Every structure is written in C-alpha cells, then in structure tokens.
Amino acid sequence: MKVHICPPEQAPLELLMEADPSISHIEDYIHRGTVHVTEDDAGVTGVFVLLPTRPGTIELVNIAVTNDRRREGLGRKLLEAAKEQAAGYKRMEVGTGNSSTGQLAFYQKAGFRITAIDRDFFTVHYKEEIWENGIRCRDMIRLTLEL
C-alpha cells in the first residue's frame, strides 16, 4: 500500500466526512495538518490526517476507508502508515465519539489507551445531533498511544 501526501485543496472531503460530519472542522484541520491518501486504479481508497498538537504529540484527527474497501484490513494498514509518519513524536492521540463502539474497539486493539473524556464535546461543537449504534454521540473519548 502506497501512501502519499495530498494538498488540502485536493483532500477527499466526502470520505473525510464519513468520519467527521462537520465540513467546517475538516476544512480547519486539513489546512493545519497533513492529509495522507491511498489510491488504487479506481481512485482514493483511504485517508488519514495528522496534526501536531503539542511538543512530542501528534493527533490522528481523521481516518476513513471507502465503503467498497472496508473489511479488508485497510484501516489497520492506514493506522500503521500514520504511526510511520509520526516518527519522531513520543505519542499519538485520537478522539472518537462515545457512540463509536467499533472505532473504540479498533483503537484499543491497536494499543491505544483511553486517557480522557471531553464531556459534551459533540453537543457543544456540532450543530446537528449525531447518532450511532442507537446511542447519541455526546462525549469525545480521547485515546493515546505511546510511540
């Protein structure tokens, strides 16, 4: 799998919106961070965005795989590529919704540990209610991986 950096103006916004429904948030962090994409002959297959936040810390602010490529292990490969791109950092952080049960399992299986909860993050920072798995998304679960 080959990963390359994509200029913000060419970022696959529809795919990024599958992991974050706020186009304004996406527009903000793709210009502050680095967008990485994978492609095959049909086009983009996956994307992740890394954003340095504090000395020694980088955040994985978005990671997504196209619908037709899910369940193939591409998400794990994207996460491994993100860790490679984070060489030189001490830790990687990621945040996901309290209702994102699959994502919480995905990150914990990859070695991330829950380190904080931003209560009411999604009710304060997102205009529309978000529902997943029959659960209202209210809180941001923060996870950290020591690199």
N, C-alpha and C. Protein backbone atom coordinates (compact mmCIF):
# COMPACT_ATOMS: atom_id res chain seq x y z
N MET A 1 0.84 -1.18 0.00
CA MET A 1 0.00 0.00 0.00
C MET A 1 0.89 1.24 0.00
N LYS A 2 0.66 2.11 -0.93
CA LYS A 2 1.43 3.33 -1.03
C LYS A 2 0.59 4.51 -0.53
N VAL A 3 1.18 5.27 0.37
CA VAL A 3 0.52 6.44 0.95
C VAL A 3 1.25 7.67 0.46
N HIS A 4 0.49 8.68 0.06
CA HIS A 4 1.14 9.94 -0.34
C HIS A 4 0.40 11.12 0.27
N ILE A 5 1.13 12.22 0.39
CA ILE A 5 0.57 13.46 0.94
C ILE A 5 -0.27 14.13 -0.14
N CYS A 6 -1.41 14.62 0.28
CA CYS A 6 -2.36 15.27 -0.62
C CYS A 6 -2.50 16.73 -0.21
N PRO A 7 -2.43 17.67 -1.15
CA PRO A 7 -2.66 19.08 -0.79
C PRO A 7 -4.08 19.25 -0.24
N PRO A 8 -4.26 20.14 0.73
CA PRO A 8 -5.59 20.33 1.33
C PRO A 8 -6.70 20.58 0.30
N GLU A 9 -6.39 21.32 -0.74
CA GLU A 9 -7.43 21.64 -1.73
C GLU A 9 -7.83 20.42 -2.56
N GLN A 10 -7.07 19.33 -2.49
CA GLN A 10 -7.41 18.10 -3.20
C GLN A 10 -7.85 16.98 -2.25
N ALA A 11 -8.03 17.32 -0.99
CA ALA A 11 -8.42 16.32 0.01
C ALA A 11 -9.78 15.72 -0.33
N PRO A 12 -9.97 14.42 -0.13
CA PRO A 12 -11.26 13.76 -0.43
C PRO A 12 -12.30 14.09 0.65
N LEU A 13 -12.95 15.23 0.51
CA LEU A 13 -13.85 15.73 1.55
C LEU A 13 -14.99 14.78 1.87
N GLU A 14 -15.59 14.15 0.84
CA GLU A 14 -16.70 13.23 1.10
C GLU A 14 -16.26 12.07 1.98
N LEU A 15 -15.07 11.56 1.72
CA LEU A 15 -14.56 10.45 2.52
C LEU A 15 -14.23 10.93 3.94
N LEU A 16 -13.63 12.09 4.07
CA LEU A 16 -13.33 12.64 5.39
C LEU A 16 -14.62 12.86 6.19
N MET A 17 -15.71 13.22 5.51
CA MET A 17 -16.98 13.47 6.18
C MET A 17 -17.62 12.18 6.72
N GLU A 18 -17.17 11.03 6.25
CA GLU A 18 -17.68 9.78 6.81
C GLU A 18 -17.20 9.59 8.24
N ALA A 19 -16.07 10.19 8.58
CA ALA A 19 -15.54 10.09 9.94
C ALA A 19 -15.83 11.34 10.77
N ASP A 20 -16.20 12.43 10.12
CA ASP A 20 -16.47 13.70 10.80
C ASP A 20 -17.52 14.45 9.99
N PRO A 21 -18.74 14.61 10.51
CA PRO A 21 -19.80 15.24 9.72
C PRO A 21 -19.70 16.76 9.60
N SER A 22 -18.68 17.38 10.19
CA SER A 22 -18.57 18.84 10.15
C SER A 22 -17.55 19.28 9.10
N ILE A 23 -18.06 19.82 8.00
CA ILE A 23 -17.16 20.31 6.93
C ILE A 23 -16.30 21.47 7.45
N SER A 24 -16.83 22.29 8.35
CA SER A 24 -16.02 23.41 8.86
C SER A 24 -14.85 22.89 9.70
N HIS A 25 -15.08 21.84 10.49
CA HIS A 25 -13.97 21.26 11.26
C HIS A 25 -12.93 20.64 10.33
N ILE A 26 -13.42 19.93 9.31
CA ILE A 26 -12.50 19.30 8.36
C ILE A 26 -11.67 20.36 7.64
N GLU A 27 -12.33 21.40 7.14
CA GLU A 27 -11.62 22.47 6.43
C GLU A 27 -10.54 23.09 7.32
N ASP A 28 -10.82 23.20 8.60
CA ASP A 28 -9.85 23.76 9.53
C ASP A 28 -8.64 22.84 9.67
N TYR A 29 -8.86 21.58 10.01
CA TYR A 29 -7.70 20.73 10.31
C TYR A 29 -6.95 20.23 9.10
N ILE A 30 -7.56 20.19 7.92
CA ILE A 30 -6.76 19.78 6.75
C ILE A 30 -5.77 20.87 6.35
N HIS A 31 -6.05 22.12 6.74
CA HIS A 31 -5.11 23.21 6.44
C HIS A 31 -4.05 23.36 7.53
N ARG A 32 -4.31 22.84 8.72
CA ARG A 32 -3.32 22.90 9.80
C ARG A 32 -2.48 21.63 9.89
N GLY A 33 -3.01 20.52 9.37
CA GLY A 33 -2.32 19.24 9.45
C GLY A 33 -1.84 18.78 8.09
N THR A 34 -1.61 17.47 7.99
CA THR A 34 -1.14 16.87 6.74
C THR A 34 -2.12 15.76 6.35
N VAL A 35 -2.61 15.83 5.11
CA VAL A 35 -3.56 14.85 4.58
C VAL A 35 -2.77 13.78 3.83
N HIS A 36 -3.03 12.51 4.19
CA HIS A 36 -2.38 11.37 3.55
C HIS A 36 -3.45 10.50 2.91
N VAL A 37 -3.25 10.09 1.66
CA VAL A 37 -4.24 9.26 0.98
C VAL A 37 -3.60 8.02 0.38
N THR A 38 -4.45 7.00 0.20
CA THR A 38 -4.08 5.80 -0.55
C THR A 38 -5.01 5.73 -1.74
N GLU A 39 -4.50 5.18 -2.83
CA GLU A 39 -5.30 5.08 -4.05
C GLU A 39 -5.04 3.75 -4.75
N ASP A 40 -6.03 3.34 -5.55
CA ASP A 40 -5.83 2.24 -6.48
C ASP A 40 -6.26 2.75 -7.85
N ASP A 41 -6.40 1.86 -8.81
CA ASP A 41 -6.76 2.29 -10.17
C ASP A 41 -8.10 3.01 -10.24
N ALA A 42 -9.00 2.72 -9.29
CA ALA A 42 -10.32 3.34 -9.29
C ALA A 42 -10.35 4.69 -8.56
N GLY A 43 -9.27 5.02 -7.84
CA GLY A 43 -9.24 6.30 -7.13
C GLY A 43 -8.84 6.13 -5.68
N VAL A 44 -9.22 7.10 -4.86
CA VAL A 44 -8.87 7.12 -3.44
C VAL A 44 -9.54 5.95 -2.72
N THR A 45 -8.77 5.25 -1.89
CA THR A 45 -9.31 4.14 -1.10
C THR A 45 -9.32 4.44 0.40
N GLY A 46 -8.46 5.34 0.83
CA GLY A 46 -8.40 5.67 2.25
C GLY A 46 -7.71 7.00 2.47
N VAL A 47 -7.90 7.54 3.67
CA VAL A 47 -7.33 8.84 4.01
C VAL A 47 -7.10 8.91 5.51
N PHE A 48 -6.06 9.63 5.90
CA PHE A 48 -5.90 10.00 7.31
C PHE A 48 -5.25 11.37 7.36
N VAL A 49 -5.50 12.07 8.46
CA VAL A 49 -4.97 13.42 8.66
C VAL A 49 -4.25 13.44 10.00
N LEU A 50 -3.00 13.92 9.97
CA LEU A 50 -2.19 14.07 11.18
C LEU A 50 -1.98 15.55 11.47
N LEU A 51 -2.07 15.88 12.76
CA LEU A 51 -1.94 17.27 13.18
C LEU A 51 -1.08 17.34 14.44
N PRO A 52 0.12 17.95 14.34
CA PRO A 52 0.91 18.15 15.56
C PRO A 52 0.14 19.07 16.51
N THR A 53 0.09 18.70 17.80
CA THR A 53 -0.70 19.48 18.75
C THR A 53 0.13 20.13 19.84
N ARG A 54 1.09 19.38 20.39
CA ARG A 54 1.97 19.87 21.45
C ARG A 54 3.34 19.27 21.20
N PRO A 55 4.36 19.77 21.87
CA PRO A 55 5.68 19.15 21.69
C PRO A 55 5.61 17.64 21.98
N GLY A 56 6.07 16.84 21.03
CA GLY A 56 6.12 15.40 21.20
C GLY A 56 4.82 14.68 20.93
N THR A 57 3.75 15.42 20.57
CA THR A 57 2.43 14.82 20.39
C THR A 57 1.86 15.16 19.03
N ILE A 58 1.32 14.14 18.38
CA ILE A 58 0.63 14.31 17.10
C ILE A 58 -0.75 13.67 17.23
N GLU A 59 -1.75 14.29 16.63
CA GLU A 59 -3.10 13.75 16.71
C GLU A 59 -3.54 13.21 15.36
N LEU A 60 -4.12 12.04 15.39
CA LEU A 60 -4.79 11.46 14.23
C LEU A 60 -6.20 12.02 14.26
N VAL A 61 -6.45 13.08 13.48
CA VAL A 61 -7.73 13.78 13.58
C VAL A 61 -8.81 13.19 12.68
N ASN A 62 -8.42 12.36 11.72
CA ASN A 62 -9.41 11.72 10.85
C ASN A 62 -8.76 10.52 10.19
N ILE A 63 -9.51 9.45 10.06
CA ILE A 63 -9.08 8.27 9.33
C ILE A 63 -10.34 7.63 8.75
N ALA A 64 -10.32 7.31 7.45
CA ALA A 64 -11.50 6.75 6.81
C ALA A 64 -11.10 5.88 5.62
N VAL A 65 -11.91 4.87 5.37
CA VAL A 65 -11.73 3.94 4.25
C VAL A 65 -13.02 3.96 3.43
N THR A 66 -12.90 3.91 2.11
CA THR A 66 -14.09 3.91 1.26
C THR A 66 -14.94 2.68 1.54
N ASN A 67 -16.25 2.82 1.34
CA ASN A 67 -17.19 1.73 1.62
C ASN A 67 -16.81 0.43 0.93
N ASP A 68 -16.40 0.51 -0.32
CA ASP A 68 -16.10 -0.71 -1.09
C ASP A 68 -14.80 -1.39 -0.67
N ARG A 69 -14.00 -0.75 0.18
CA ARG A 69 -12.74 -1.33 0.63
C ARG A 69 -12.74 -1.67 2.12
N ARG A 70 -13.88 -1.53 2.77
CA ARG A 70 -13.95 -1.86 4.19
C ARG A 70 -13.93 -3.36 4.38
N ARG A 71 -13.52 -3.77 5.55
CA ARG A 71 -13.43 -5.18 5.94
C ARG A 71 -12.28 -5.91 5.23
N GLU A 72 -11.30 -5.16 4.73
CA GLU A 72 -10.12 -5.74 4.07
C GLU A 72 -8.84 -5.51 4.86
N GLY A 73 -8.94 -4.89 6.03
CA GLY A 73 -7.75 -4.59 6.82
C GLY A 73 -7.07 -3.29 6.43
N LEU A 74 -7.69 -2.52 5.54
CA LEU A 74 -7.07 -1.27 5.10
C LEU A 74 -6.99 -0.25 6.24
N GLY A 75 -7.97 -0.24 7.13
CA GLY A 75 -7.93 0.67 8.27
C GLY A 75 -6.70 0.43 9.13
N ARG A 76 -6.40 -0.85 9.40
CA ARG A 76 -5.20 -1.18 10.18
C ARG A 76 -3.94 -0.73 9.44
N LYS A 77 -3.92 -0.93 8.13
CA LYS A 77 -2.75 -0.51 7.34
C LYS A 77 -2.61 1.01 7.35
N LEU A 78 -3.73 1.73 7.28
CA LEU A 78 -3.67 3.19 7.36
C LEU A 78 -3.13 3.63 8.73
N LEU A 79 -3.58 2.96 9.78
CA LEU A 79 -3.10 3.31 11.11
C LEU A 79 -1.61 3.04 11.24
N GLU A 80 -1.13 1.94 10.68
CA GLU A 80 0.31 1.65 10.69
C GLU A 80 1.07 2.72 9.91
N ALA A 81 0.53 3.14 8.77
CA ALA A 81 1.16 4.20 7.98
C ALA A 81 1.19 5.51 8.76
N ALA A 82 0.11 5.79 9.50
CA ALA A 82 0.08 7.01 10.32
C ALA A 82 1.16 6.96 11.39
N LYS A 83 1.36 5.79 12.00
CA LYS A 83 2.41 5.66 13.01
C LYS A 83 3.79 5.86 12.38
N GLU A 84 3.98 5.36 11.18
CA GLU A 84 5.26 5.57 10.49
C GLU A 84 5.49 7.05 10.22
N GLN A 85 4.44 7.75 9.80
CA GLN A 85 4.54 9.18 9.53
C GLN A 85 4.79 9.99 10.80
N ALA A 86 4.45 9.41 11.95
CA ALA A 86 4.61 10.09 13.23
C ALA A 86 5.99 9.84 13.84
N ALA A 87 6.90 9.27 13.07
CA ALA A 87 8.26 9.02 13.58
C ALA A 87 8.83 10.32 14.14
N GLY A 88 9.42 10.23 15.31
CA GLY A 88 9.99 11.41 15.96
C GLY A 88 9.08 11.98 17.04
N TYR A 89 7.81 11.60 17.04
CA TYR A 89 6.88 12.02 18.09
C TYR A 89 6.89 10.97 19.20
N LYS A 90 6.53 11.37 20.39
CA LYS A 90 6.50 10.46 21.54
C LYS A 90 5.15 9.77 21.69
N ARG A 91 4.11 10.45 21.25
CA ARG A 91 2.77 9.88 21.42
C ARG A 91 1.84 10.34 20.30
N MET A 92 0.85 9.47 20.06
CA MET A 92 -0.20 9.78 19.10
C MET A 92 -1.52 9.77 19.86
N GLU A 93 -2.32 10.79 19.62
CA GLU A 93 -3.63 10.87 20.23
C GLU A 93 -4.70 10.76 19.16
N VAL A 94 -5.87 10.30 19.57
CA VAL A 94 -7.02 10.23 18.69
C VAL A 94 -8.26 10.44 19.55
N GLY A 95 -9.27 11.02 18.98
CA GLY A 95 -10.53 11.19 19.69
C GLY A 95 -11.66 10.61 18.86
N THR A 96 -12.62 9.99 19.54
CA THR A 96 -13.78 9.43 18.86
C THR A 96 -14.99 9.56 19.77
N GLY A 97 -16.15 9.43 19.19
CA GLY A 97 -17.37 9.61 19.96
C GLY A 97 -17.68 8.45 20.90
N ASN A 98 -18.37 8.76 21.98
CA ASN A 98 -18.79 7.73 22.93
C ASN A 98 -19.68 6.68 22.26
N SER A 99 -20.33 7.04 21.16
CA SER A 99 -21.23 6.12 20.45
C SER A 99 -20.51 5.31 19.38
N SER A 100 -19.26 5.59 19.15
CA SER A 100 -18.48 4.93 18.09
C SER A 100 -17.86 3.64 18.62
N THR A 101 -18.69 2.66 18.89
CA THR A 101 -18.23 1.44 19.54
C THR A 101 -17.19 0.68 18.70
N GLY A 102 -17.39 0.63 17.39
CA GLY A 102 -16.42 -0.05 16.53
C GLY A 102 -15.07 0.64 16.53
N GLN A 103 -15.09 1.96 16.47
CA GLN A 103 -13.85 2.72 16.46
C GLN A 103 -13.12 2.60 17.80
N LEU A 104 -13.87 2.61 18.90
CA LEU A 104 -13.24 2.44 20.22
C LEU A 104 -12.52 1.10 20.31
N ALA A 105 -13.15 0.05 19.81
CA ALA A 105 -12.52 -1.27 19.81
C ALA A 105 -11.30 -1.27 18.89
N PHE A 106 -11.43 -0.68 17.70
CA PHE A 106 -10.34 -0.62 16.72
C PHE A 106 -9.09 0.01 17.34
N TYR A 107 -9.24 1.16 17.98
CA TYR A 107 -8.08 1.85 18.55
C TYR A 107 -7.48 1.08 19.73
N GLN A 108 -8.33 0.52 20.57
CA GLN A 108 -7.80 -0.22 21.72
C GLN A 108 -7.08 -1.49 21.27
N LYS A 109 -7.57 -2.15 20.25
CA LYS A 109 -6.87 -3.33 19.71
C LYS A 109 -5.50 -2.95 19.16
N ALA A 110 -5.38 -1.70 18.71
CA ALA A 110 -4.12 -1.21 18.15
C ALA A 110 -3.17 -0.69 19.24
N GLY A 111 -3.58 -0.77 20.49
CA GLY A 111 -2.69 -0.36 21.58
C GLY A 111 -2.99 0.99 22.22
N PHE A 112 -3.97 1.71 21.70
CA PHE A 112 -4.34 2.99 22.30
C PHE A 112 -5.04 2.74 23.64
N ARG A 113 -4.84 3.68 24.57
CA ARG A 113 -5.49 3.60 25.88
C ARG A 113 -6.35 4.83 26.07
N ILE A 114 -7.50 4.66 26.69
CA ILE A 114 -8.37 5.80 27.00
C ILE A 114 -7.67 6.65 28.06
N THR A 115 -7.54 7.95 27.74
CA THR A 115 -6.82 8.84 28.66
C THR A 115 -7.67 10.02 29.14
N ALA A 116 -8.77 10.30 28.45
CA ALA A 116 -9.60 11.43 28.87
C ALA A 116 -10.96 11.36 28.19
N ILE A 117 -11.90 12.09 28.76
CA ILE A 117 -13.22 12.25 28.16
C ILE A 117 -13.53 13.74 28.12
N ASP A 118 -13.81 14.26 26.93
CA ASP A 118 -14.26 15.65 26.78
C ASP A 118 -15.79 15.61 26.82
N ARG A 119 -16.34 15.86 28.00
CA ARG A 119 -17.79 15.77 28.17
C ARG A 119 -18.50 16.81 27.31
N ASP A 120 -19.56 16.38 26.65
CA ASP A 120 -20.43 17.23 25.83
C ASP A 120 -19.73 17.86 24.63
N PHE A 121 -18.58 17.33 24.22
CA PHE A 121 -17.85 17.87 23.07
C PHE A 121 -18.75 17.97 21.84
N PHE A 122 -19.46 16.91 21.52
CA PHE A 122 -20.26 16.88 20.30
C PHE A 122 -21.56 17.67 20.42
N THR A 123 -22.06 17.86 21.61
CA THR A 123 -23.26 18.68 21.76
C THR A 123 -22.92 20.17 21.71
N VAL A 124 -21.70 20.53 22.10
CA VAL A 124 -21.26 21.92 22.08
C VAL A 124 -20.72 22.33 20.71
N HIS A 125 -19.93 21.46 20.06
CA HIS A 125 -19.20 21.85 18.85
C HIS A 125 -19.86 21.43 17.53
N TYR A 126 -20.95 20.70 17.58
CA TYR A 126 -21.64 20.27 16.37
C TYR A 126 -23.10 20.73 16.44
N LYS A 127 -23.58 21.30 15.34
CA LYS A 127 -24.94 21.85 15.30
C LYS A 127 -26.00 20.75 15.34
N GLU A 128 -25.79 19.70 14.55
CA GLU A 128 -26.78 18.62 14.45
C GLU A 128 -26.46 17.52 15.45
N GLU A 129 -27.49 16.86 15.94
CA GLU A 129 -27.28 15.70 16.79
C GLU A 129 -26.65 14.58 15.96
N ILE A 130 -25.77 13.81 16.59
CA ILE A 130 -25.13 12.67 15.94
C ILE A 130 -25.59 11.42 16.68
N TRP A 131 -26.06 10.44 15.92
CA TRP A 131 -26.49 9.16 16.49
C TRP A 131 -25.74 8.03 15.80
N GLU A 132 -25.20 7.10 16.57
CA GLU A 132 -24.55 5.91 16.04
C GLU A 132 -24.93 4.74 16.94
N ASN A 133 -25.18 3.62 16.32
CA ASN A 133 -25.46 2.40 17.09
C ASN A 133 -26.58 2.60 18.11
N GLY A 134 -27.54 3.47 17.79
CA GLY A 134 -28.66 3.74 18.69
C GLY A 134 -28.28 4.56 19.91
N ILE A 135 -27.08 5.18 19.90
CA ILE A 135 -26.58 5.96 21.03
C ILE A 135 -26.34 7.40 20.56
N ARG A 136 -26.78 8.37 21.33
CA ARG A 136 -26.48 9.76 20.98
C ARG A 136 -25.02 10.03 21.29
N CYS A 137 -24.32 10.58 20.31
CA CYS A 137 -22.92 10.94 20.47
C CYS A 137 -22.85 12.29 21.18
N ARG A 138 -22.34 12.27 22.40
CA ARG A 138 -22.22 13.48 23.21
C ARG A 138 -20.77 13.79 23.57
N ASP A 139 -20.05 12.76 24.01
CA ASP A 139 -18.72 12.95 24.57
C ASP A 139 -17.63 12.47 23.63
N MET A 140 -16.49 13.16 23.65
CA MET A 140 -15.30 12.76 22.90
C MET A 140 -14.45 11.90 23.82
N ILE A 141 -14.20 10.66 23.39
CA ILE A 141 -13.33 9.76 24.12
C ILE A 141 -11.94 9.96 23.55
N ARG A 142 -10.99 10.36 24.37
CA ARG A 142 -9.61 10.60 23.94
C ARG A 142 -8.77 9.37 24.26
N LEU A 143 -8.00 8.92 23.27
CA LEU A 143 -7.12 7.77 23.45
C LEU A 143 -5.71 8.17 23.06
N THR A 144 -4.73 7.54 23.69
CA THR A 144 -3.33 7.85 23.46
C THR A 144 -2.53 6.58 23.24
N LEU A 145 -1.60 6.65 22.31
CA LEU A 145 -0.66 5.56 22.05
C LEU A 145 0.75 6.10 22.24
N GLU A 146 1.53 5.47 23.10
CA GLU A 146 2.92 5.85 23.25
C GLU A 146 3.69 5.24 22.08
N LEU A 147 4.43 6.08 21.38
CA LEU A 147 5.16 5.61 20.19
C LEU A 147 6.58 5.19 20.52
